[in-house]
Amino acid sequence: MNIEFDAYKQKLNDCRPALDGLADSLNLEGMRNELERLHAMQEAPGFWDDPEKSQKIVVKTRQTESKIEHYEKMLSNWDDLMTICEMAEEEDDDSMLEELKTGFAALTEDMETCRLETLLTGHYDKNNAMMSFQAGAGGTEAQDWCQMLYRMYTRWAERHGFTYKIMDYQEGDEAGLKSASIMIEGENAYGFLKGENGVHRLVRVSPFDANARRQTSFAAVEVIPDIENDSQDVEIRPEDYEMQVYRSSGAGGQHINKTSSAVRLIHKATGIVVSCQTERSQFQNKETCLRMLRSKLVEIKEREHLDKISDIKGVQQKIEWGSQIRN
């Protein structure tokens, strides 16, 4: 019995340097100083005079507090597990072994999650993420595959503590969806999801084929960071885009379905198309579209190391064989 507890005691001692190292990687001392500064800003007179700015500070405060609490909880768990080992050895009691195993597994998983977050140091990794889904070659089969991907990523977001907001949703003719856009909100959303950008290929026996033949389907997933309007010097003038209005589809009540409130913007220079239909008014949908378009242009400009937005070439990615990132 003591052998197992000795083994776990050794494991805990082995993982302690990594746990201490995470404090440096997270810049724990810097976060504590930042938290003091944020608390001071919230206590200053006139803090709520600018609701938009104050809300961002409140969110930043919560995120910083959560990171510090998460690390302190890991330290506390390490201490608790070491105490279990020592108590079990002293009392020659193996009843706590299961609790020790479960606790150690949870601690190592938390440390790995924390380590991954410290690797997300890209310029926009901490931002919210805009995800777009587009069915490609394959007809109904591809539209069904597109909806499967949509469902997979929205469930992933929910399970990992992110929230998502539907911005556009075009149902398929028979099943699935033609295209959709969602905003996934939460810290490091873009950092975690940026690797999903590209064409996804599915090969399966088709449920839509009476002869049960094997079918290949393609769907494109686009991931871009949600970039604040004032964070980049990107000007989009009314003459730079064509605006189309149409009636929203799907659920939403009489107002959203009976008025042409949905908006589609087409950027003339690059051919980039963005659309939004989830807000009540045409003006709100247009503002959301401009935000999406601005984020796309800035992301492409930086990814392709271009000097100016006007240098972007509107090359459309083909959603077909040979262009996939995953099978």
Protein backbone atom coordinates (compact mmCIF):
# COMPACT_ATOMS: atom_id res chain seq x y z
CA MET A 1 0.00 0.00 0.00
CA ASN A 2 2.77 2.47 0.97
CA ILE A 3 4.48 1.83 -2.35
CA GLU A 4 1.61 3.45 -4.28
CA PHE A 5 1.53 6.46 -1.99
CA ASP A 6 5.31 6.79 -2.27
CA ALA A 7 4.96 6.71 -6.05
CA TYR A 8 2.38 9.51 -6.02
CA LYS A 9 4.48 11.51 -3.57
CA GLN A 10 7.37 11.26 -6.03
CA LYS A 11 5.08 12.29 -8.92
CA LEU A 12 3.92 15.32 -6.96
CA ASN A 13 7.51 16.33 -6.19
CA ASP A 14 8.42 15.86 -9.86
CA CYS A 15 5.61 18.11 -11.10
CA ARG A 16 6.24 20.88 -8.54
CA PRO A 17 8.97 22.65 -10.61
CA ALA A 18 6.59 22.75 -13.60
CA LEU A 19 3.85 24.18 -11.37
CA ASP A 20 6.22 26.87 -10.04
CA GLY A 21 7.36 27.57 -13.60
CA LEU A 22 3.78 28.27 -14.68
CA ALA A 23 3.75 31.27 -12.32
CA ASP A 24 6.57 32.83 -14.36
CA SER A 25 4.97 31.88 -17.69
CA LEU A 26 1.68 33.43 -16.61
CA ASN A 27 3.50 36.49 -15.21
CA LEU A 28 1.55 36.04 -11.98
CA GLU A 29 3.16 39.02 -10.25
CA GLY A 30 2.36 41.23 -13.22
CA MET A 31 -1.25 40.02 -13.20
CA ARG A 32 -1.60 40.90 -9.52
CA ASN A 33 -0.29 44.42 -10.20
CA GLU A 34 -2.64 44.71 -13.18
CA LEU A 35 -5.56 43.63 -10.99
CA GLU A 36 -4.75 46.36 -8.46
CA ARG A 37 -4.70 48.91 -11.28
CA LEU A 38 -8.06 47.68 -12.65
CA HIS A 39 -9.66 47.80 -9.19
CA ALA A 40 -8.37 51.38 -8.75
CA MET A 41 -9.90 52.38 -12.11
CA GLN A 42 -13.28 50.93 -11.07
CA GLU A 43 -13.22 52.84 -7.79
CA ALA A 44 -12.39 56.15 -9.50
CA PRO A 45 -15.20 58.73 -9.80
CA GLY A 46 -17.00 58.81 -13.15
CA PHE A 47 -16.02 55.22 -13.99
CA TRP A 48 -19.48 54.42 -15.40
CA ASP A 49 -19.74 57.62 -17.48
CA ASP A 50 -18.49 55.69 -20.52
CA PRO A 51 -20.46 52.38 -20.40
CA GLU A 52 -18.60 50.76 -23.29
CA LYS A 53 -15.15 51.45 -21.85
CA SER A 54 -16.17 50.52 -18.31
CA GLN A 55 -17.69 47.22 -19.47
CA LYS A 56 -14.38 46.25 -21.12
CA ILE A 57 -12.53 47.01 -17.87
CA VAL A 58 -15.01 44.89 -15.87
CA VAL A 59 -14.54 41.95 -18.28
CA LYS A 60 -10.74 42.34 -18.13
CA THR A 61 -10.92 42.38 -14.31
CA ARG A 62 -12.95 39.15 -14.24
CA GLN A 63 -10.55 37.42 -16.63
CA THR A 64 -7.50 38.46 -14.58
CA GLU A 65 -9.13 37.39 -11.30
CA SER A 66 -10.07 34.05 -12.86
CA LYS A 67 -6.47 33.36 -13.99
CA ILE A 68 -5.02 34.18 -10.58
CA GLU A 69 -7.67 32.08 -8.79
CA HIS A 70 -7.07 29.16 -11.16
CA TYR A 71 -3.34 29.13 -10.43
CA GLU A 72 -3.84 29.50 -6.67
CA LYS A 73 -6.34 26.64 -6.75
CA MET A 74 -3.73 24.40 -8.45
CA LEU A 75 -1.22 25.25 -5.70
CA SER A 76 -3.83 24.46 -3.05
CA ASN A 77 -4.67 21.15 -4.73
CA TRP A 78 -0.97 20.21 -4.82
CA ASP A 79 -0.70 20.89 -1.07
CA ASP A 80 -3.87 18.86 -0.37
CA LEU A 81 -2.60 15.87 -2.37
CA MET A 82 0.76 15.93 -0.61
CA THR A 83 -1.06 16.04 2.74
CA ILE A 84 -3.10 12.97 1.74
CA CYS A 85 0.11 11.08 0.96
CA GLU A 86 1.66 11.96 4.32
CA MET A 87 -1.52 11.18 6.31
CA ALA A 88 -1.97 7.83 4.58
CA GLU A 89 1.64 6.84 5.32
CA GLU A 90 1.35 7.85 8.98
CA GLU A 91 -1.97 6.07 9.57
CA ASP A 92 -1.30 3.16 7.21
CA ASP A 93 -4.67 3.88 5.57
CA ASP A 94 -5.28 2.99 1.92
CA SER A 95 -8.87 4.34 1.83
CA MET A 96 -7.62 7.67 0.43
CA LEU A 97 -5.84 6.15 -2.56
CA GLU A 98 -8.78 6.63 -4.95
CA GLU A 99 -9.14 10.29 -3.93
CA LEU A 100 -5.40 10.74 -4.50
CA LYS A 101 -5.55 9.19 -7.99
CA THR A 102 -8.52 11.31 -9.03
CA GLY A 103 -7.00 14.49 -7.58
CA PHE A 104 -3.62 13.94 -9.25
CA ALA A 105 -5.25 13.30 -12.66
CA ALA A 106 -7.29 16.53 -12.29
CA LEU A 107 -4.19 18.51 -11.27
CA THR A 108 -2.11 17.35 -14.25
CA GLU A 109 -5.01 18.13 -16.62
CA ASP A 110 -5.34 21.64 -15.15
CA MET A 111 -1.60 22.20 -15.50
CA GLU A 112 -1.67 21.12 -19.16
CA THR A 113 -4.59 23.45 -19.91
CA CYS A 114 -2.74 26.29 -18.21
CA ARG A 115 0.45 25.48 -20.14
CA LEU A 116 -1.42 25.58 -23.45
CA GLU A 117 -2.83 29.01 -22.60
CA THR A 118 0.69 30.35 -21.97
CA LEU A 119 1.61 29.30 -25.55
CA LEU A 120 -1.12 31.50 -27.05
CA THR A 121 1.00 34.60 -27.45
CA GLY A 122 -0.06 35.66 -30.96
CA HIS A 123 -1.15 39.24 -31.51
CA TYR A 124 -4.87 38.36 -31.65
CA ASP A 125 -4.88 35.04 -29.77
CA LYS A 126 -6.77 36.50 -26.79
CA ASN A 127 -9.55 37.94 -28.98
CA ASN A 128 -13.02 36.59 -29.67
CA ALA A 129 -13.28 34.52 -32.85
CA MET A 130 -15.61 34.86 -35.84
CA MET A 131 -16.27 31.48 -37.45
CA SER A 132 -17.86 31.08 -40.86
CA PHE A 133 -19.06 27.81 -42.36
CA GLN A 134 -19.62 27.27 -46.08
CA ALA A 135 -20.82 24.09 -47.78
CA GLY A 136 -18.73 23.16 -50.80
CA ALA A 137 -18.80 20.52 -53.52
CA GLY A 138 -21.26 17.72 -52.79
CA GLY A 139 -24.79 19.19 -52.79
CA THR A 140 -27.08 18.06 -49.94
CA GLU A 141 -24.35 15.78 -48.65
CA ALA A 142 -21.98 18.76 -48.27
CA GLN A 143 -24.67 20.88 -46.62
CA ASP A 144 -25.27 18.12 -44.06
CA TRP A 145 -21.50 17.92 -43.43
CA CYS A 146 -21.40 21.70 -43.01
CA GLN A 147 -24.10 21.50 -40.32
CA MET A 148 -22.21 18.69 -38.57
CA LEU A 149 -19.15 20.94 -38.35
CA TYR A 150 -21.29 23.83 -37.11
CA ARG A 151 -22.77 21.63 -34.39
CA MET A 152 -19.34 20.29 -33.43
CA TYR A 153 -17.76 23.72 -32.92
CA THR A 154 -20.73 25.23 -31.09
CA ARG A 155 -20.76 22.27 -28.69
CA TRP A 156 -17.01 22.59 -28.21
CA ALA A 157 -17.51 26.26 -27.32
CA GLU A 158 -20.18 25.45 -24.74
CA ARG A 159 -18.11 22.71 -23.11
CA HIS A 160 -15.05 24.95 -22.80
CA GLY A 161 -16.82 27.88 -21.18
CA PHE A 162 -17.17 30.05 -24.29
CA THR A 163 -20.41 31.62 -25.49
CA TYR A 164 -21.47 31.94 -29.11
CA LYS A 165 -23.81 34.21 -30.99
CA ILE A 166 -25.33 33.39 -34.38
CA MET A 167 -24.72 36.19 -36.88
CA ASP A 168 -25.95 34.56 -40.08
CA TYR A 169 -27.57 31.21 -40.87
CA GLN A 170 -28.72 29.98 -44.30
CA GLU A 171 -30.43 26.57 -44.18
CA GLY A 172 -29.82 23.95 -46.86
CA ASP A 173 -32.42 23.13 -49.52
CA GLU A 174 -33.18 19.63 -48.19
CA ALA A 175 -30.98 19.22 -45.13
CA GLY A 176 -28.06 20.84 -43.32
CA LEU A 177 -26.96 24.40 -44.00
CA LYS A 178 -25.50 26.34 -46.91
CA SER A 179 -23.60 28.84 -44.79
CA ALA A 180 -23.45 30.25 -41.27
CA SER A 181 -21.44 32.75 -39.25
CA ILE A 182 -21.05 32.81 -35.48
CA MET A 183 -19.14 34.88 -32.96
CA ILE A 184 -17.41 32.81 -30.26
CA GLU A 185 -16.73 34.97 -27.22
CA GLY A 186 -14.23 34.28 -24.47
CA GLU A 187 -10.57 34.74 -23.69
CA ASN A 188 -8.21 33.00 -26.15
CA ALA A 189 -11.12 31.94 -28.39
CA TYR A 190 -9.19 32.87 -31.54
CA GLY A 191 -5.96 31.33 -30.24
CA PHE A 192 -7.63 27.96 -29.70
CA LEU A 193 -9.61 27.99 -32.97
CA LYS A 194 -7.27 29.56 -35.54
CA GLY A 195 -5.85 26.14 -36.48
CA GLU A 196 -9.31 25.04 -37.66
CA ASN A 197 -9.25 27.47 -40.59
CA GLY A 198 -9.50 25.65 -43.93
CA VAL A 199 -11.43 23.06 -45.94
CA HIS A 200 -12.66 19.92 -44.16
CA ARG A 201 -13.36 16.69 -46.11
CA LEU A 202 -15.71 13.87 -45.13
CA VAL A 203 -15.96 10.45 -46.78
CA ARG A 204 -18.90 8.28 -45.71
CA VAL A 205 -21.71 6.06 -46.91
CA SER A 206 -24.36 8.63 -47.74
CA PRO A 207 -27.62 8.59 -45.74
CA PHE A 208 -29.17 10.52 -48.66
CA ASP A 209 -28.34 7.89 -51.28
CA ALA A 210 -30.86 5.04 -51.69
CA ASN A 211 -28.08 2.84 -53.08
CA ALA A 212 -25.88 3.52 -50.01
CA ARG A 213 -22.90 4.61 -52.09
CA ARG A 214 -19.83 6.24 -50.64
CA GLN A 215 -19.79 10.04 -51.01
CA THR A 216 -17.12 12.69 -50.51
CA SER A 217 -18.18 16.08 -49.09
CA PHE A 218 -16.38 19.34 -48.53
CA ALA A 219 -17.06 22.30 -46.23
CA ALA A 220 -14.95 25.37 -45.50
CA VAL A 221 -14.39 26.77 -42.02
CA GLU A 222 -13.02 30.31 -41.77
CA VAL A 223 -11.72 31.68 -38.46
CA ILE A 224 -10.80 35.33 -37.99
CA PRO A 225 -10.16 37.35 -34.84
CA ASP A 226 -12.71 39.90 -33.71
CA ILE A 227 -10.66 43.09 -33.97
CA GLU A 228 -11.76 46.24 -32.16
CA ASN A 229 -12.80 49.08 -34.46
CA ASP A 230 -10.34 51.49 -32.86
CA SER A 231 -7.41 49.09 -32.66
CA GLN A 232 -6.34 49.43 -36.28
CA ASP A 233 -6.19 52.31 -38.68
CA VAL A 234 -8.55 50.72 -41.20
CA GLU A 235 -10.99 52.99 -42.94
CA ILE A 236 -13.85 51.44 -44.92
CA ARG A 237 -15.66 54.11 -46.91
CA PRO A 238 -19.22 53.69 -48.25
CA GLU A 239 -17.87 53.67 -51.81
CA ASP A 240 -15.61 50.71 -50.96
CA TYR A 241 -18.48 48.25 -50.64
CA GLU A 242 -21.83 47.31 -52.14
CA MET A 243 -24.68 46.86 -49.68
CA GLN A 244 -27.57 44.46 -50.29
CA VAL A 245 -30.60 44.05 -48.04
CA TYR A 246 -32.91 41.02 -47.88
CA ARG A 247 -35.40 39.35 -45.59
CA SER A 248 -34.02 37.22 -42.79
CA SER A 249 -34.73 33.51 -42.85
CA GLY A 250 -35.44 31.10 -40.03
CA ALA A 251 -36.82 31.78 -36.58
CA GLY A 252 -37.09 35.29 -35.22
CA GLY A 253 -40.71 36.38 -35.13
CA GLN A 254 -42.79 38.57 -37.42
CA HIS A 255 -40.55 41.63 -37.37
CA ILE A 256 -37.35 39.88 -38.41
CA ASN A 257 -39.08 37.93 -41.20
CA LYS A 258 -41.37 40.62 -42.64
CA THR A 259 -38.84 43.44 -43.05
CA SER A 260 -35.71 43.55 -45.18
CA SER A 261 -33.42 43.93 -42.18
CA ALA A 262 -30.71 41.42 -43.14
CA VAL A 263 -27.61 42.99 -44.67
CA ARG A 264 -24.92 41.68 -47.01
CA LEU A 265 -21.78 43.72 -47.75
CA ILE A 266 -19.54 43.02 -50.73
CA HIS A 267 -16.08 44.58 -50.60
CA LYS A 268 -15.47 45.78 -54.16
CA ALA A 269 -11.67 45.60 -54.20
CA THR A 270 -11.34 42.06 -52.84
CA GLY A 271 -14.76 40.45 -53.41
CA ILE A 272 -15.00 39.55 -49.70
CA VAL A 273 -18.65 39.02 -48.70
CA VAL A 274 -20.02 39.31 -45.16
CA SER A 275 -23.63 39.11 -44.02
CA CYS A 276 -25.65 39.42 -40.83
CA GLN A 277 -29.33 38.85 -40.17
CA THR A 278 -29.66 38.34 -36.43
CA GLU A 279 -30.09 41.93 -35.22
CA ARG A 280 -33.52 43.57 -35.23
CA SER A 281 -32.66 46.57 -37.37
CA GLN A 282 -30.94 47.01 -40.70
CA PHE A 283 -28.61 49.58 -39.09
CA GLN A 284 -27.44 47.10 -36.42
CA ASN A 285 -26.87 44.37 -39.01
CA LYS A 286 -24.87 46.81 -41.14
CA GLU A 287 -22.68 47.78 -38.17
CA THR A 288 -22.01 44.09 -37.44
CA CYS A 289 -21.14 43.47 -41.11
CA LEU A 290 -18.70 46.40 -41.13
CA ARG A 291 -17.07 45.00 -37.99
CA MET A 292 -16.71 41.58 -39.64
CA LEU A 293 -15.36 43.08 -42.86
CA ARG A 294 -12.84 45.22 -41.00
CA SER A 295 -11.61 42.19 -39.03
CA LYS A 296 -11.25 40.12 -42.21
CA LEU A 297 -9.27 42.82 -44.01
CA VAL A 298 -6.91 43.44 -41.09
CA GLU A 299 -6.34 39.70 -40.52
CA ILE A 300 -5.55 39.07 -44.22
CA LYS A 301 -3.29 42.15 -44.37
CA GLU A 302 -1.25 40.97 -41.37
CA ARG A 303 -1.21 37.29 -42.36
CA GLU A 304 0.07 38.09 -45.84
CA HIS A 305 2.47 40.80 -44.56
CA LEU A 306 0.97 43.46 -46.79
CA ASP A 307 1.64 47.17 -46.38
CA LYS A 308 -1.82 48.37 -47.32
CA ILE A 309 -5.37 47.02 -47.32
CA SER A 310 -5.54 47.84 -51.03
CA ASP A 311 -2.81 45.24 -51.70
CA ILE A 312 -5.18 42.39 -50.79
CA LYS A 313 -6.09 40.23 -53.76
CA GLY A 314 -9.55 38.74 -53.55
CA VAL A 315 -8.58 35.14 -54.27
CA GLN A 316 -11.41 32.80 -53.30
CA GLN A 317 -10.39 29.47 -51.80
CA LYS A 318 -11.86 26.49 -53.65
CA ILE A 319 -13.91 24.20 -51.43
CA GLU A 320 -13.10 21.00 -53.26
CA TRP A 321 -10.65 18.09 -53.66
CA GLY A 322 -7.01 18.92 -52.98
CA SER A 323 -7.65 22.01 -50.85
CA GLN A 324 -8.60 20.32 -47.56
CA ILE A 325 -6.67 20.63 -44.29
CA ARG A 326 -8.34 17.63 -42.67
CA ASN A 327 -9.96 14.38 -43.79
